[in-house]
């Protein structure tokens, strides 16, 4: 069998995992090679342009056969090594574990003894490593009627990655419960937990939640990526005009800045980017969150704990007594929290908070629906930012397609998109806005005034990104 080097599709190529056994992982990493098949007693290798005759001779000695090479791009080699070698290792471990299960009749006795046995640890690590490697935000382990599937969420979209045997699934669940300090014997009620995980010398915070279903316990794992550098407004997708205005508002000594949008629109990340812009050396900054997503040195962060009565409203009352300059509220959910936050904003505190509304104009109506007087809202709120997240066209396979995504590549998991960016609208509450709010408020009047003033709406900002080739019309249609 001969390969056409110009037509090789690495994304869909089937790998002969017998070939991988001839080159150990440490050697593959050292020389940047991947064995993918054996043809006519020759070991076929993916290589990079750094491959030379001395490396070839050493690999011939290690493999005890002739070598045939096929060059691929250097920047994707590490991804393929991780992908193919980890999958080969996982298949081997799964097969070994299935054989062991058949040999032992008393499953429960074996289960208790071998909870931390190496294969289960490695298989669990494999699931987590693949998700991190592919930039997933969530992992779902889902028992169905006849199988257990694993899906991961990448840039807001779920993709199936694995199907695992039921017996092994049960042990993986117990392993995750052990790591998360859950009750491993309790399967009737939902449980929540968390643990820290290290992959490639980087630490990740994992939040684990179980849910009893008719087919068994479903597990959802949220992966929190610790930022090596502080999140900046610019990196989230705010343009120069927006960044300049937000920074100006963050220097104010009082008032309320609201971030609005549905669940999963990046509101909390924007709040953290704002916190990173504050002069925390000279300002007392306190947050109340459910839960605290990222720890920031120099800021006092409070976790909501409803079980002991530490709610948003109760926590906020006590925060006011701590002489804060800036208060960040993870989410305004009820009238009491809203009223405390609004009164704090008009009495010398800068308040940053989120709301669940579809656009910036509806946020005012939402506060009214909570029972707040119009005059308080008008006095307190200084700015409202409504935002969404859209996927960015993959820069590695970008063909500047206007409507749809590209065909995809290994970098973007064949989706045509890689990463996400913000589209937003920013409403500044000026004197005329306050008059509309207090006298004769409707969402339409507030919208019409701000459009006349020159405000850029969500979809208009999105269209600008389409024109720049950053996202596609297909993504905007989902908003």
Protein backbone atom coordinates (compact mmCIF):
# COMPACT_ATOMS: atom_id res chain seq x y z
CA UNK A 1 0.00 0.00 0.00
CA UNK A 2 1.38 3.39 -0.99
CA UNK A 3 0.32 6.76 0.41
CA UNK A 4 -0.11 9.91 -1.65
CA UNK A 5 1.70 12.44 0.53
CA UNK A 6 -0.27 15.31 -1.01
CA UNK A 7 -3.69 13.79 -0.24
CA UNK A 8 -3.23 12.43 3.27
CA UNK A 9 -6.10 13.50 5.54
CA UNK A 10 -4.69 13.19 9.04
CA UNK A 11 -7.98 14.16 10.65
CA UNK A 12 -9.77 11.07 9.34
CA UNK A 13 -6.88 8.65 8.90
CA UNK A 14 -7.18 5.32 10.68
CA UNK A 15 -4.09 4.56 12.72
CA UNK A 16 -2.66 1.06 13.03
CA UNK A 17 -2.07 0.96 16.78
CA UNK A 18 0.23 -2.05 16.34
CA UNK A 19 2.66 0.36 14.67
CA UNK A 20 2.66 2.70 17.66
CA UNK A 21 4.01 -0.11 19.86
CA UNK A 22 7.32 -0.03 17.97
CA UNK A 23 8.25 3.49 19.09
CA UNK A 24 7.94 4.37 22.82
CA UNK A 25 6.17 7.61 23.74
CA UNK A 26 9.32 9.25 25.14
CA UNK A 27 11.16 8.59 21.86
CA UNK A 28 8.22 9.89 19.83
CA UNK A 29 8.23 13.10 21.84
CA UNK A 30 12.00 13.46 21.62
CA UNK A 31 12.23 13.12 17.84
CA UNK A 32 8.73 14.40 16.96
CA UNK A 33 7.57 11.26 15.16
CA UNK A 34 4.37 9.19 15.08
CA UNK A 35 4.28 5.63 13.72
CA UNK A 36 0.93 5.14 11.97
CA UNK A 37 1.20 1.92 9.91
CA UNK A 38 3.38 -0.99 8.80
CA UNK A 39 3.56 -1.53 5.03
CA UNK A 40 5.80 -4.09 3.31
CA UNK A 41 7.77 -4.59 6.54
CA UNK A 42 8.42 -0.86 6.76
CA UNK A 43 7.34 1.32 9.67
CA UNK A 44 5.51 4.39 8.35
CA UNK A 45 6.21 7.54 10.38
CA UNK A 46 4.85 11.05 10.47
CA UNK A 47 7.86 13.35 10.86
CA UNK A 48 8.71 17.06 10.75
CA UNK A 49 11.28 18.96 8.74
CA UNK A 50 13.81 18.43 11.56
CA UNK A 51 14.02 14.71 10.79
CA UNK A 52 17.45 13.57 9.57
CA UNK A 53 19.40 10.41 8.74
CA UNK A 54 20.93 9.98 12.19
CA UNK A 55 17.45 9.99 13.78
CA UNK A 56 16.27 7.58 11.10
CA UNK A 57 19.07 5.12 11.85
CA UNK A 58 18.34 5.24 15.58
CA UNK A 59 14.64 4.59 15.00
CA UNK A 60 15.45 1.71 12.63
CA UNK A 61 17.46 0.16 15.44
CA UNK A 62 14.68 0.69 18.02
CA UNK A 63 11.93 -0.66 15.74
CA UNK A 64 14.08 -3.37 14.15
CA UNK A 65 12.70 -2.58 10.71
CA UNK A 66 13.09 -0.14 7.84
CA UNK A 67 11.55 3.33 8.08
CA UNK A 68 9.36 5.24 5.62
CA UNK A 69 8.66 8.90 6.44
CA UNK A 70 5.81 11.33 5.71
CA UNK A 71 6.34 14.95 6.70
CA UNK A 72 3.61 16.95 8.47
CA UNK A 73 3.54 20.46 9.90
CA UNK A 74 5.66 20.91 13.00
CA UNK A 75 3.08 22.94 14.96
CA UNK A 76 0.51 20.11 14.98
CA UNK A 77 2.90 17.25 15.78
CA UNK A 78 2.50 17.47 19.58
CA UNK A 79 -1.27 17.39 19.24
CA UNK A 80 -1.14 14.20 17.17
CA UNK A 81 1.31 12.55 19.55
CA UNK A 82 -0.99 13.24 22.50
CA UNK A 83 -4.03 12.14 20.53
CA UNK A 84 -2.75 8.85 19.09
CA UNK A 85 -0.57 7.67 21.95
CA UNK A 86 -3.13 8.47 24.65
CA UNK A 87 -5.86 6.69 22.68
CA UNK A 88 -3.69 3.61 22.21
CA UNK A 89 -2.94 3.58 25.94
CA UNK A 90 -6.62 3.99 26.81
CA UNK A 91 -7.66 1.08 24.56
CA UNK A 92 -5.01 -1.14 26.13
CA UNK A 93 -6.11 -0.23 29.64
CA UNK A 94 -9.78 -0.76 28.86
CA UNK A 95 -9.10 -4.20 27.38
CA UNK A 96 -6.97 -5.22 30.35
CA UNK A 97 -9.59 -4.06 32.81
CA UNK A 98 -12.41 -5.89 31.01
CA UNK A 99 -10.39 -9.12 31.17
CA UNK A 100 -9.81 -8.63 34.88
CA UNK A 101 -13.54 -8.06 35.44
CA UNK A 102 -14.43 -11.36 33.80
CA UNK A 103 -11.98 -13.25 35.98
CA UNK A 104 -13.40 -11.99 39.27
CA UNK A 105 -16.97 -12.98 40.15
CA UNK A 106 -17.34 -10.96 43.31
CA UNK A 107 -17.43 -7.51 41.72
CA UNK A 108 -18.19 -5.56 44.88
CA UNK A 109 -15.29 -7.12 46.81
CA UNK A 110 -12.92 -6.29 43.97
CA UNK A 111 -14.45 -2.82 43.65
CA UNK A 112 -13.63 -1.93 47.25
CA UNK A 113 -10.09 -3.28 47.05
CA UNK A 114 -9.13 -1.78 43.71
CA UNK A 115 -10.80 1.63 43.81
CA UNK A 116 -7.45 3.37 43.30
CA UNK A 117 -5.89 0.73 41.08
CA UNK A 118 -3.72 2.16 38.33
CA UNK A 119 -5.91 1.36 35.28
CA UNK A 120 -8.93 3.22 36.68
CA UNK A 121 -6.74 6.17 37.63
CA UNK A 122 -5.23 6.26 34.15
CA UNK A 123 -8.56 5.92 32.36
CA UNK A 124 -10.05 8.72 34.45
CA UNK A 125 -6.98 10.85 33.75
CA UNK A 126 -7.31 10.09 30.06
CA UNK A 127 -10.89 11.41 30.01
CA UNK A 128 -9.81 14.61 31.79
CA UNK A 129 -6.66 15.06 29.70
CA UNK A 130 -8.50 14.77 26.38
CA UNK A 131 -11.02 17.38 27.50
CA UNK A 132 -8.29 19.81 28.59
CA UNK A 133 -6.26 19.16 25.45
CA UNK A 134 -9.30 20.07 23.34
CA UNK A 135 -10.08 23.22 25.41
CA UNK A 136 -13.38 21.81 26.70
CA UNK A 137 -15.33 23.73 29.33
CA UNK A 138 -17.42 20.75 30.47
CA UNK A 139 -17.35 16.95 30.50
CA UNK A 140 -20.55 14.89 30.56
CA UNK A 141 -20.50 11.19 31.50
CA UNK A 142 -23.94 9.95 30.50
CA UNK A 143 -25.36 6.46 31.11
CA UNK A 144 -27.84 5.44 28.41
CA UNK A 145 -29.89 2.26 28.11
CA UNK A 146 -27.20 0.13 26.46
CA UNK A 147 -24.00 2.17 26.78
CA UNK A 148 -22.24 4.98 28.58
CA UNK A 149 -21.06 7.91 26.49
CA UNK A 150 -18.69 10.77 27.22
CA UNK A 151 -19.31 14.17 25.66
CA UNK A 152 -17.29 17.35 26.01
CA UNK A 153 -18.36 20.94 25.38
CA UNK A 154 -16.00 22.93 23.16
CA UNK A 155 -16.80 26.57 22.42
CA UNK A 156 -20.38 25.98 23.58
CA UNK A 157 -21.03 22.85 21.44
CA UNK A 158 -21.19 19.25 22.74
CA UNK A 159 -19.12 16.54 21.00
CA UNK A 160 -19.13 12.82 21.74
CA UNK A 161 -15.61 11.54 22.43
CA UNK A 162 -15.89 8.06 23.92
CA UNK A 163 -18.15 5.12 24.70
CA UNK A 164 -17.15 3.07 27.74
CA UNK A 165 -18.31 -0.22 29.34
CA UNK A 166 -20.83 0.06 32.18
CA UNK A 167 -18.65 -1.71 34.77
CA UNK A 168 -15.74 0.62 34.10
CA UNK A 169 -18.09 3.62 34.15
CA UNK A 170 -19.15 2.69 37.69
CA UNK A 171 -15.55 2.67 38.86
CA UNK A 172 -14.80 5.98 37.13
CA UNK A 173 -17.78 7.55 38.91
CA UNK A 174 -16.48 6.24 42.24
CA UNK A 175 -13.01 7.58 41.44
CA UNK A 176 -14.44 11.05 40.69
CA UNK A 177 -16.52 10.97 43.87
CA UNK A 178 -13.44 10.08 45.89
CA UNK A 179 -11.47 12.98 44.38
CA UNK A 180 -14.40 15.37 44.96
CA UNK A 181 -14.98 14.36 48.60
CA UNK A 182 -18.44 12.99 47.87
CA UNK A 183 -20.18 10.02 49.47
CA UNK A 184 -19.22 7.23 47.06
CA UNK A 185 -21.97 4.90 48.29
CA UNK A 186 -24.81 7.42 47.86
CA UNK A 187 -26.39 7.09 44.43
CA UNK A 188 -29.97 8.20 45.15
CA UNK A 189 -29.49 11.97 45.49
CA UNK A 190 -27.51 14.61 43.57
CA UNK A 191 -24.10 15.54 44.98
CA UNK A 192 -21.65 18.37 44.34
CA UNK A 193 -17.91 18.50 44.89
CA UNK A 194 -14.65 19.82 43.51
CA UNK A 195 -10.96 19.01 43.25
CA UNK A 196 -7.75 20.31 41.73
CA UNK A 197 -6.15 18.51 38.82
CA UNK A 198 -2.70 18.80 37.27
CA UNK A 199 -2.01 18.21 33.60
CA UNK A 200 1.24 19.11 31.83
CA UNK A 201 2.40 21.00 34.93
CA UNK A 202 -0.68 23.24 34.92
CA UNK A 203 -3.34 23.24 37.63
CA UNK A 204 -7.05 23.16 36.87
CA UNK A 205 -10.06 23.51 39.18
CA UNK A 206 -12.72 20.90 38.47
CA UNK A 207 -16.30 21.12 39.74
CA UNK A 208 -18.18 17.84 39.78
CA UNK A 209 -21.96 17.33 40.00
CA UNK A 210 -23.82 14.01 39.98
CA UNK A 211 -27.45 13.42 39.04
CA UNK A 212 -29.34 10.14 39.53
CA UNK A 213 -31.14 9.08 36.32
CA UNK A 214 -33.12 5.97 35.37
CA UNK A 215 -29.97 4.53 33.76
CA UNK A 216 -27.54 5.43 36.53
CA UNK A 217 -25.65 8.47 37.78
CA UNK A 218 -24.90 11.19 35.24
CA UNK A 219 -21.83 13.27 35.98
CA UNK A 220 -21.07 16.80 34.80
CA UNK A 221 -17.58 18.22 35.28
CA UNK A 222 -16.88 21.93 34.82
CA UNK A 223 -13.24 22.72 34.01
CA UNK A 224 -11.98 26.08 35.24
CA UNK A 225 -8.83 27.16 33.46
CA UNK A 226 -6.59 29.24 35.68
CA UNK A 227 -5.32 32.25 33.81
CA UNK A 228 -1.54 32.45 33.43
CA UNK A 229 -2.01 36.15 32.84
CA UNK A 230 -4.79 38.39 34.08
CA UNK A 231 -7.82 38.41 31.81
CA UNK A 232 -7.94 41.67 29.90
CA UNK A 233 -10.97 43.36 28.39
CA UNK A 234 -9.21 43.52 25.02
CA UNK A 235 -8.61 39.76 24.96
CA UNK A 236 -12.32 39.08 25.54
CA UNK A 237 -13.31 40.91 22.36
CA UNK A 238 -14.16 44.45 23.48
CA UNK A 239 -13.11 47.05 20.91
CA UNK A 240 -10.98 50.09 21.70
CA UNK A 241 -13.98 52.37 22.23
CA UNK A 242 -15.62 49.94 24.66
CA UNK A 243 -12.42 49.32 26.62
CA UNK A 244 -11.79 53.04 27.00
CA UNK A 245 -15.31 53.69 28.28
CA UNK A 246 -15.33 50.73 30.71
CA UNK A 247 -11.99 51.75 32.20
CA UNK A 248 -13.33 55.27 32.69
CA UNK A 249 -16.39 53.95 34.53
CA UNK A 250 -14.25 51.67 36.71
CA UNK A 251 -12.44 54.74 38.01
CA UNK A 252 -15.70 56.16 39.36
CA UNK A 253 -16.22 56.10 43.12
CA UNK A 254 -19.91 55.13 42.95
CA UNK A 255 -22.62 53.82 40.67
CA UNK A 256 -23.62 50.43 39.29
CA UNK A 257 -22.29 48.72 36.17
CA UNK A 258 -24.53 45.86 35.05
CA UNK A 259 -23.48 42.96 32.81
CA UNK A 260 -26.48 41.21 31.25
CA UNK A 261 -27.04 38.16 29.11
CA UNK A 262 -28.21 34.55 29.29
CA UNK A 263 -26.38 31.72 31.05
CA UNK A 264 -23.11 30.94 29.31
CA UNK A 265 -22.65 34.37 27.74
CA UNK A 266 -19.40 35.11 29.58
CA UNK A 267 -20.75 37.59 32.13
CA UNK A 268 -18.60 36.34 35.02
CA UNK A 269 -15.46 36.41 32.87
CA UNK A 270 -16.18 40.04 32.00
CA UNK A 271 -16.60 40.84 35.70
CA UNK A 272 -13.20 39.29 36.43
CA UNK A 273 -11.63 41.28 33.60
CA UNK A 274 -13.06 44.42 35.22
CA UNK A 275 -11.65 43.42 38.61
CA UNK A 276 -8.25 43.05 36.99
CA UNK A 277 -8.45 46.68 35.84
CA UNK A 278 -8.97 48.02 39.38
CA UNK A 279 -6.27 49.60 41.51
CA UNK A 280 -6.57 47.03 44.30
CA UNK A 281 -3.59 48.48 46.18
CA UNK A 282 -5.59 51.58 47.03
CA UNK A 283 -9.17 50.27 46.89
CA UNK A 284 -10.96 47.80 49.14
CA UNK A 285 -12.55 45.29 46.74
CA UNK A 286 -14.94 42.59 47.98
CA UNK A 287 -16.87 40.05 45.91
CA UNK A 288 -19.77 37.74 46.71
CA UNK A 289 -20.15 34.85 44.28
CA UNK A 290 -21.90 31.50 43.86
CA UNK A 291 -19.33 30.04 43.70
CA UNK A 292 -16.01 31.90 43.55
CA UNK A 293 -14.64 30.98 40.12
CA UNK A 294 -11.08 32.30 40.32
CA UNK A 295 -9.05 33.43 43.31
CA UNK A 296 -7.50 36.89 42.93
CA UNK A 297 -4.76 38.06 45.29
CA UNK A 298 -5.55 41.35 47.00
CA UNK A 299 -9.33 40.93 46.77
CA UNK A 300 -11.65 39.58 49.48
CA UNK A 301 -13.91 36.95 47.91
CA UNK A 302 -16.98 35.46 49.60
CA UNK A 303 -18.68 32.18 48.65
CA UNK A 304 -22.47 32.05 48.88
CA UNK A 305 -23.56 29.11 51.06
CA UNK A 306 -27.32 28.73 51.20
CA UNK A 307 -27.07 25.67 53.46
CA UNK A 308 -25.85 27.83 56.34
CA UNK A 309 -27.89 30.89 55.43
CA UNK A 310 -25.13 32.86 53.70
CA UNK A 311 -27.21 34.14 50.79
CA UNK A 312 -26.38 36.94 48.37
CA UNK A 313 -28.51 39.40 50.33
CA UNK A 314 -27.19 38.44 53.77
CA UNK A 315 -23.60 38.43 52.56
CA UNK A 316 -24.09 41.79 50.89
CA UNK A 317 -25.42 43.35 54.10
CA UNK A 318 -22.25 42.31 55.90
CA UNK A 319 -19.98 43.39 53.07
CA UNK A 320 -21.36 46.93 53.38
CA UNK A 321 -20.00 46.98 56.95
CA UNK A 322 -16.48 46.18 55.69
CA UNK A 323 -15.88 49.68 54.26
CA UNK A 324 -15.69 48.52 50.62
CA UNK A 325 -14.80 50.77 47.71
CA UNK A 326 -15.87 48.24 45.09
CA UNK A 327 -18.42 45.43 45.45
CA UNK A 328 -18.76 42.69 42.86
CA UNK A 329 -22.01 40.67 42.97
CA UNK A 330 -21.96 37.42 41.01
CA UNK A 331 -25.67 37.67 40.23
CA UNK A 332 -28.65 39.76 41.35
CA UNK A 333 -31.41 37.17 41.81
CA UNK A 334 -34.00 38.71 44.12
CA UNK A 335 -35.52 41.98 45.28
CA UNK A 336 -33.61 42.15 48.56
CA UNK A 337 -30.22 41.73 46.89
CA UNK A 338 -31.17 44.24 44.20
CA UNK A 339 -32.26 46.88 46.71
CA UNK A 340 -29.11 46.53 48.83
CA UNK A 341 -26.94 46.73 45.71
CA UNK A 342 -28.73 49.80 44.35
CA UNK A 343 -28.56 51.65 47.67
CA UNK A 344 -24.86 50.80 47.96
CA UNK A 345 -24.29 52.25 44.49
CA UNK A 346 -25.82 55.64 45.44
CA UNK A 347 -24.04 55.88 48.80
CA UNK A 348 -20.42 55.91 47.69
CA UNK A 349 -19.69 52.38 46.43
CA UNK A 350 -18.90 51.16 42.93
CA UNK A 351 -21.03 48.06 42.32
CA UNK A 352 -20.39 45.53 39.55
CA UNK A 353 -23.12 42.93 39.03
CA UNK A 354 -24.83 40.62 36.53
CA UNK A 355 -28.46 40.14 35.52
CA UNK A 356 -30.25 37.65 33.26
CA UNK A 357 -31.87 39.72 30.50
CA UNK A 358 -31.86 39.50 26.71
CA UNK A 359 -30.48 43.00 26.08
CA UNK A 360 -29.28 46.12 27.86
CA UNK A 361 -32.66 47.90 27.70
CA UNK A 362 -34.56 45.05 29.38
CA UNK A 363 -32.27 45.20 32.41
CA UNK A 364 -34.05 48.32 33.66
CA UNK A 365 -37.41 46.56 33.34
CA UNK A 366 -35.99 43.56 35.21
CA UNK A 367 -35.03 45.75 38.17
CA UNK A 368 -38.49 47.32 38.13
CA UNK A 369 -40.07 43.85 38.13
CA UNK A 370 -38.06 43.10 41.27
CA UNK A 371 -39.91 45.95 42.96
CA UNK A 372 -37.27 48.68 42.91
CA UNK A 373 -38.48 52.30 42.63
CA UNK A 374 -37.70 53.98 39.31
CA UNK A 375 -35.88 56.87 40.97
CA UNK A 376 -33.47 54.49 42.73
CA UNK A 377 -32.68 52.66 39.50
CA UNK A 378 -32.11 55.92 37.63
CA UNK A 379 -29.78 57.24 40.34
CA UNK A 380 -27.79 54.02 40.77
CA UNK A 381 -27.23 52.46 37.33
CA UNK A 382 -24.53 54.18 35.28
CA UNK A 383 -23.91 51.63 32.51
CA UNK A 384 -25.35 48.39 31.17
CA UNK A 385 -23.39 45.96 29.01
CA UNK A 386 -25.34 43.20 27.24
CA UNK A 387 -23.20 40.48 25.73
CA UNK A 388 -23.11 37.11 23.96
CA UNK A 389 -20.36 34.70 22.99
CA UNK A 390 -19.88 33.64 19.38
CA UNK A 391 -17.41 31.16 17.98
CA UNK A 392 -14.44 32.50 16.03
CA UNK A 393 -13.55 31.14 12.61
CA UNK A 394 -10.55 28.82 12.96
CA UNK A 395 -7.39 30.70 11.93
CA UNK A 396 -5.66 27.44 10.91
CA UNK A 397 -8.19 26.57 8.18
CA UNK A 398 -9.75 29.98 7.54
CA UNK A 399 -11.09 30.36 4.01
CA UNK A 400 -13.01 33.59 4.77
CA UNK A 401 -16.40 31.94 4.21
CA UNK A 402 -19.10 34.53 4.88
CA UNK A 403 -22.10 32.45 5.96
CA UNK A 404 -20.85 29.08 7.12
CA UNK A 405 -17.81 27.73 8.92
CA UNK A 406 -14.89 26.08 7.12
CA UNK A 407 -14.57 22.33 6.69
CA UNK A 408 -12.37 22.16 9.76
CA UNK A 409 -8.99 20.77 10.77
CA UNK A 410 -7.33 18.96 13.66
CA UNK A 411 -6.84 22.19 15.58
CA UNK A 412 -10.57 22.97 15.68
CA UNK A 413 -11.78 19.35 15.96
CA UNK A 414 -13.18 19.60 12.41
CA UNK A 415 -15.68 22.26 13.47
CA UNK A 416 -14.29 25.22 11.51
CA UNK A 417 -14.28 27.32 14.69
CA UNK A 418 -11.58 27.86 17.29
CA UNK A 419 -12.27 29.83 20.46
CA UNK A 420 -14.98 32.38 21.20
CA UNK A 421 -15.25 36.14 21.37
CA UNK A 422 -17.69 38.67 22.80
CA UNK A 423 -20.26 40.63 20.88
CA UNK A 424 -21.75 43.36 23.03
CA UNK A 425 -23.82 46.51 23.30
CA UNK A 426 -23.08 49.21 25.84
CA UNK A 427 -25.75 51.58 27.12
CA UNK A 428 -24.56 54.66 28.99
CA UNK A 429 -27.21 55.98 31.39
CA UNK A 430 -27.09 59.73 30.77
CA UNK A 431 -29.51 62.44 31.90
CA UNK A 432 -32.02 61.73 29.14
CA UNK A 433 -32.00 58.01 29.94
CA UNK A 434 -32.72 58.84 33.58
CA UNK A 435 -35.66 61.01 32.53
CA UNK A 436 -37.08 58.18 30.41
CA UNK A 437 -36.66 55.71 33.31
CA UNK A 438 -38.30 57.91 35.94
CA UNK A 439 -41.11 59.52 33.91
CA UNK A 440 -42.52 57.32 31.18
CA UNK A 441 -40.39 54.22 30.81
CA UNK A 442 -40.81 51.60 28.12
CA UNK A 443 -38.13 49.35 26.64
CA UNK A 444 -38.93 50.75 23.19
CA UNK A 445 -38.46 54.39 24.25
CA UNK A 446 -35.11 53.63 25.88
CA UNK A 447 -33.97 51.67 22.83
CA UNK A 448 -35.08 54.33 20.34
CA UNK A 449 -33.29 57.08 22.25
CA UNK A 450 -30.01 55.17 22.47
CA UNK A 451 -30.09 54.14 18.80
CA UNK A 452 -30.67 57.77 17.85
CA UNK A 453 -27.69 58.66 20.05
CA UNK A 454 -25.48 56.28 18.05
CA UNK A 455 -25.38 53.19 20.24
CA UNK A 456 -24.17 50.00 18.49
CA UNK A 457 -26.57 47.10 19.08
CA UNK A 458 -25.54 43.48 19.65
CA UNK A 459 -26.20 42.26 16.11
CA UNK A 460 -24.63 45.34 14.55
CA UNK A 461 -21.43 44.65 16.48
CA UNK A 462 -21.64 41.03 15.37
CA UNK A 463 -21.93 42.07 11.72
CA UNK A 464 -18.72 44.08 12.10
CA UNK A 465 -16.98 40.91 13.25
CA UNK A 466 -18.36 39.04 10.22
CA UNK A 467 -16.98 41.75 7.92
CA UNK A 468 -13.57 41.35 9.58
CA UNK A 469 -13.65 37.58 9.10
CA UNK A 470 -13.70 36.88 12.84
CA UNK A 471 -17.02 35.02 12.95
CA UNK A 472 -19.78 33.95 10.54
CA UNK A 473 -23.41 34.86 9.86
CA UNK A 474 -24.30 31.33 10.93
CA UNK A 475 -23.11 32.17 14.45
CA UNK A 476 -25.10 35.42 14.55
CA UNK A 477 -28.29 33.59 13.59
CA UNK A 478 -28.07 31.64 16.85
CA UNK A 479 -28.39 34.79 18.96
